[in-house]
Amino acid sequence: MNRRRFLGVGPAALVAQAVTGSGQAGQTAPPGAAPSRGDPLYDPSAVQEHAPVTALDNDPGIKALEHRLKCTCGCNLDIYTCRTTDFTCTYSPALHQEVMALRKQSRTDDEIVDAFVAKYGESILMAPKPVGFNLAGYLVPGILVTLVALVLAWILMRRSRVAAVAVAPGVPPVRLPSPTDDERLRQALSEVED
């Protein structure tokens, strides 16, 4: 049973219990009793046997490396997250063993990533390499956000200028001076100063 099926069966069981009126929400057997074999949530074969965990399995360098690589089971999680949260996945433990085998060959993180890309293609990467057309994925969103911010700022400034010039009801409109008005004002000031 995978994660999706488990999450689909869980709510269905709760609804069935609510409809039948059994007073034990979320339980299919009385407390202390062993789960019945017919219970779809009780399937010991769904959990796989895993090798004992070593210190190298949880090494921060291994974790960081596995966070860069995507699990191939279709969950869109990185290898580390998939192998530590979905215990029914058969892909992530195998990918983890590949990472461990390459690390035991004294390969660097970049060499391990390159080996995975060579084997599985660029779809194994959680984030594409910032080269070639992939650069558009890194640059275009930032450029678009900046352009939208500039357009919005321009619109807001234009509206504020128009609002400042707008005429209030009952107040005569303000007439902007013309070049002839400037000349008349200079003559009037010269007559006053004399």
Protein backbone atom coordinates (compact mmCIF):
# COMPACT_ATOMS: atom_id res chain seq x y z
CA MET A 1 0.00 0.00 0.00
CA ASN A 2 1.46 3.33 -0.99
CA ARG A 3 0.96 6.78 0.54
CA ARG A 4 -1.83 7.79 -1.83
CA ARG A 5 -3.83 4.62 -1.18
CA PHE A 6 -3.30 4.92 2.57
CA LEU A 7 -4.54 8.50 2.59
CA GLY A 8 -7.53 7.48 0.46
CA VAL A 9 -8.47 4.53 2.69
CA GLY A 10 -8.11 6.47 5.97
CA PRO A 11 -10.84 9.09 5.33
CA ALA A 12 -13.10 6.42 3.79
CA ALA A 13 -12.83 4.35 6.97
CA LEU A 14 -13.69 7.38 9.11
CA VAL A 15 -16.77 8.12 6.99
CA ALA A 16 -17.86 4.49 7.18
CA GLN A 17 -17.56 4.55 10.97
CA ALA A 18 -19.52 7.78 11.20
CA VAL A 19 -22.31 6.31 9.04
CA THR A 20 -22.50 3.01 10.93
CA GLY A 21 -22.39 4.81 14.27
CA SER A 22 -19.56 2.87 15.84
CA GLY A 23 -18.31 4.98 18.74
CA GLN A 24 -14.63 4.38 18.11
CA ALA A 25 -13.46 7.12 15.73
CA GLY A 26 -10.32 6.07 13.89
CA GLN A 27 -10.13 2.56 15.40
CA THR A 28 -11.22 -0.63 13.74
CA ALA A 29 -10.60 -2.89 16.71
CA PRO A 30 -11.13 -2.40 20.46
CA PRO A 31 -8.11 -0.97 22.31
CA GLY A 32 -5.56 -3.64 23.11
CA ALA A 33 -6.88 -6.07 20.51
CA ALA A 34 -4.76 -7.09 17.55
CA PRO A 35 -5.84 -5.59 14.21
CA SER A 36 -7.86 -7.95 12.08
CA ARG A 37 -6.33 -9.43 8.95
CA GLY A 38 -9.19 -8.02 6.83
CA ASP A 39 -8.37 -4.42 7.83
CA PRO A 40 -6.96 -2.63 4.74
CA LEU A 41 -4.76 -0.47 6.95
CA TYR A 42 -3.14 -3.54 8.48
CA ASP A 43 -0.80 -4.97 5.91
CA PRO A 44 2.61 -5.90 7.28
CA SER A 45 3.79 -6.88 3.80
CA ALA A 46 3.54 -3.22 2.72
CA VAL A 47 6.54 -2.30 4.86
CA GLN A 48 9.84 -3.43 3.43
CA GLU A 49 12.79 -4.81 5.24
CA HIS A 50 15.63 -2.28 5.25
CA ALA A 51 19.29 -2.72 6.00
CA PRO A 52 20.43 -1.44 9.39
CA VAL A 53 21.12 2.28 9.40
CA THR A 54 24.77 3.25 9.68
CA ALA A 55 26.31 6.58 10.62
CA LEU A 56 27.18 7.17 6.95
CA ASP A 57 23.48 6.87 6.00
CA ASN A 58 22.69 10.00 8.00
CA ASP A 59 25.89 11.87 7.22
CA PRO A 60 25.12 15.58 6.58
CA GLY A 61 27.05 15.39 3.30
CA ILE A 62 24.96 12.42 2.10
CA LYS A 63 21.76 14.20 3.17
CA ALA A 64 22.74 17.35 1.28
CA LEU A 65 23.62 15.31 -1.81
CA GLU A 66 20.34 13.38 -1.71
CA HIS A 67 18.40 16.65 -1.34
CA ARG A 68 19.81 17.62 -4.77
CA LEU A 69 18.55 14.42 -6.47
CA LYS A 70 14.90 13.54 -7.19
CA CYS A 71 13.42 10.15 -6.44
CA THR A 72 12.31 8.31 -9.59
CA CYS A 73 9.12 6.85 -8.08
CA GLY A 74 7.06 9.80 -9.28
CA CYS A 75 6.54 11.46 -5.90
CA ASN A 76 8.61 14.55 -6.87
CA LEU A 77 10.44 14.39 -3.54
CA ASP A 78 14.18 14.28 -3.17
CA ILE A 79 15.79 10.93 -2.39
CA TYR A 80 16.41 11.68 1.28
CA THR A 81 12.86 12.89 2.00
CA CYS A 82 11.28 10.01 0.09
CA ARG A 83 13.35 7.33 1.77
CA THR A 84 12.72 8.75 5.25
CA THR A 85 8.97 9.37 4.87
CA ASP A 86 7.59 6.81 2.41
CA PHE A 87 8.53 3.39 3.71
CA THR A 88 6.70 1.65 0.88
CA CYS A 89 8.85 3.23 -1.86
CA THR A 90 11.25 0.77 -3.41
CA TYR A 91 13.04 3.37 -5.56
CA SER A 92 14.51 5.69 -2.93
CA PRO A 93 16.35 2.98 -0.94
CA ALA A 94 17.87 1.69 -4.20
CA LEU A 95 18.90 5.22 -5.21
CA HIS A 96 20.34 5.75 -1.73
CA GLN A 97 22.41 2.57 -2.14
CA GLU A 98 23.71 3.92 -5.47
CA VAL A 99 24.73 7.16 -3.75
CA MET A 100 26.45 5.18 -0.99
CA ALA A 101 28.28 2.96 -3.50
CA LEU A 102 29.56 5.99 -5.41
CA ARG A 103 30.62 7.66 -2.14
CA LYS A 104 32.55 4.52 -1.17
CA GLN A 105 34.44 4.90 -4.48
CA SER A 106 35.65 8.27 -3.09
CA ARG A 107 33.73 10.32 -5.65
CA THR A 108 32.93 13.95 -4.95
CA ASP A 109 29.39 15.29 -4.72
CA ASP A 110 29.57 16.80 -8.21
CA GLU A 111 30.89 13.54 -9.67
CA ILE A 112 28.03 11.63 -8.04
CA VAL A 113 25.46 14.11 -9.39
CA ASP A 114 27.05 13.87 -12.85
CA ALA A 115 26.88 10.06 -12.67
CA PHE A 116 23.17 10.22 -11.82
CA VAL A 117 22.54 12.72 -14.64
CA ALA A 118 24.38 10.43 -17.06
CA LYS A 119 22.29 7.45 -15.96
CA TYR A 120 18.82 9.02 -15.45
CA GLY A 121 18.97 12.29 -17.38
CA GLU A 122 18.54 15.85 -16.12
CA SER A 123 15.10 15.00 -14.73
CA ILE A 124 16.88 13.44 -11.72
CA LEU A 125 17.94 16.90 -10.56
CA MET A 126 15.71 18.78 -8.10
CA ALA A 127 16.77 22.07 -9.74
CA PRO A 128 18.13 22.32 -13.28
CA LYS A 129 21.69 23.47 -13.84
CA PRO A 130 21.78 27.24 -14.56
CA VAL A 131 23.22 26.94 -18.07
CA GLY A 132 21.75 27.46 -21.52
CA PHE A 133 17.96 27.63 -21.74
CA ASN A 134 17.67 26.64 -18.06
CA LEU A 135 18.94 30.12 -17.20
CA ALA A 136 15.57 31.44 -18.36
CA GLY A 137 13.94 29.60 -15.46
CA TYR A 138 16.16 31.49 -13.04
CA LEU A 139 16.10 34.94 -14.69
CA VAL A 140 12.66 35.38 -16.29
CA PRO A 141 10.60 35.31 -13.07
CA GLY A 142 12.80 37.98 -11.46
CA ILE A 143 12.70 40.16 -14.56
CA LEU A 144 8.91 39.83 -14.81
CA VAL A 145 8.39 40.72 -11.14
CA THR A 146 10.64 43.79 -11.56
CA LEU A 147 8.79 44.92 -14.70
CA VAL A 148 5.39 44.51 -13.06
CA ALA A 149 6.60 46.48 -10.02
CA LEU A 150 7.86 49.30 -12.28
CA VAL A 151 4.59 49.44 -14.24
CA LEU A 152 2.57 49.50 -11.01
CA ALA A 153 4.77 52.28 -9.57
CA TRP A 154 4.36 54.30 -12.78
CA ILE A 155 0.56 53.87 -12.71
CA LEU A 156 0.33 54.83 -9.04
CA MET A 157 2.51 57.92 -9.49
CA ARG A 158 0.46 59.00 -12.51
CA ARG A 159 -2.79 58.55 -10.60
CA SER A 160 -1.49 60.53 -7.63
CA ARG A 161 -0.51 63.41 -9.94
CA VAL A 162 -3.92 63.36 -11.60
CA ALA A 163 -5.62 63.27 -8.18
CA ALA A 164 -3.57 66.29 -7.01
CA VAL A 165 -4.67 68.28 -10.06
CA ALA A 166 -8.28 67.09 -9.89
CA VAL A 167 -10.78 69.80 -9.08
CA ALA A 168 -12.84 69.62 -5.93
CA PRO A 169 -16.57 70.34 -6.36
CA GLY A 170 -17.39 74.07 -6.16
CA VAL A 171 -13.79 75.23 -6.55
CA PRO A 172 -12.84 76.91 -9.82
CA PRO A 173 -10.25 75.01 -11.84
CA VAL A 174 -6.64 76.08 -11.51
CA ARG A 175 -5.36 77.60 -14.72
CA LEU A 176 -1.71 77.00 -15.46
CA PRO A 177 0.26 80.16 -16.39
CA SER A 178 1.12 80.75 -20.03
CA PRO A 179 4.21 82.59 -21.35
CA THR A 180 2.15 85.79 -21.80
CA ASP A 181 1.04 85.56 -18.16
CA ASP A 182 4.69 85.37 -17.12
CA GLU A 183 5.46 88.53 -19.09
CA ARG A 184 2.51 90.45 -17.54
CA LEU A 185 3.62 89.35 -14.07
CA ARG A 186 7.17 90.64 -14.66
CA GLN A 187 5.82 94.04 -15.84
CA ALA A 188 3.53 94.32 -12.81
CA LEU A 189 6.40 93.50 -10.47
CA SER A 190 8.69 96.04 -12.14
CA GLU A 191 6.03 98.76 -11.73
CA VAL A 192 5.62 97.93 -8.02
CA GLU A 193 9.38 97.98 -7.38
CA ASP A 194 9.84 101.40 -9.07
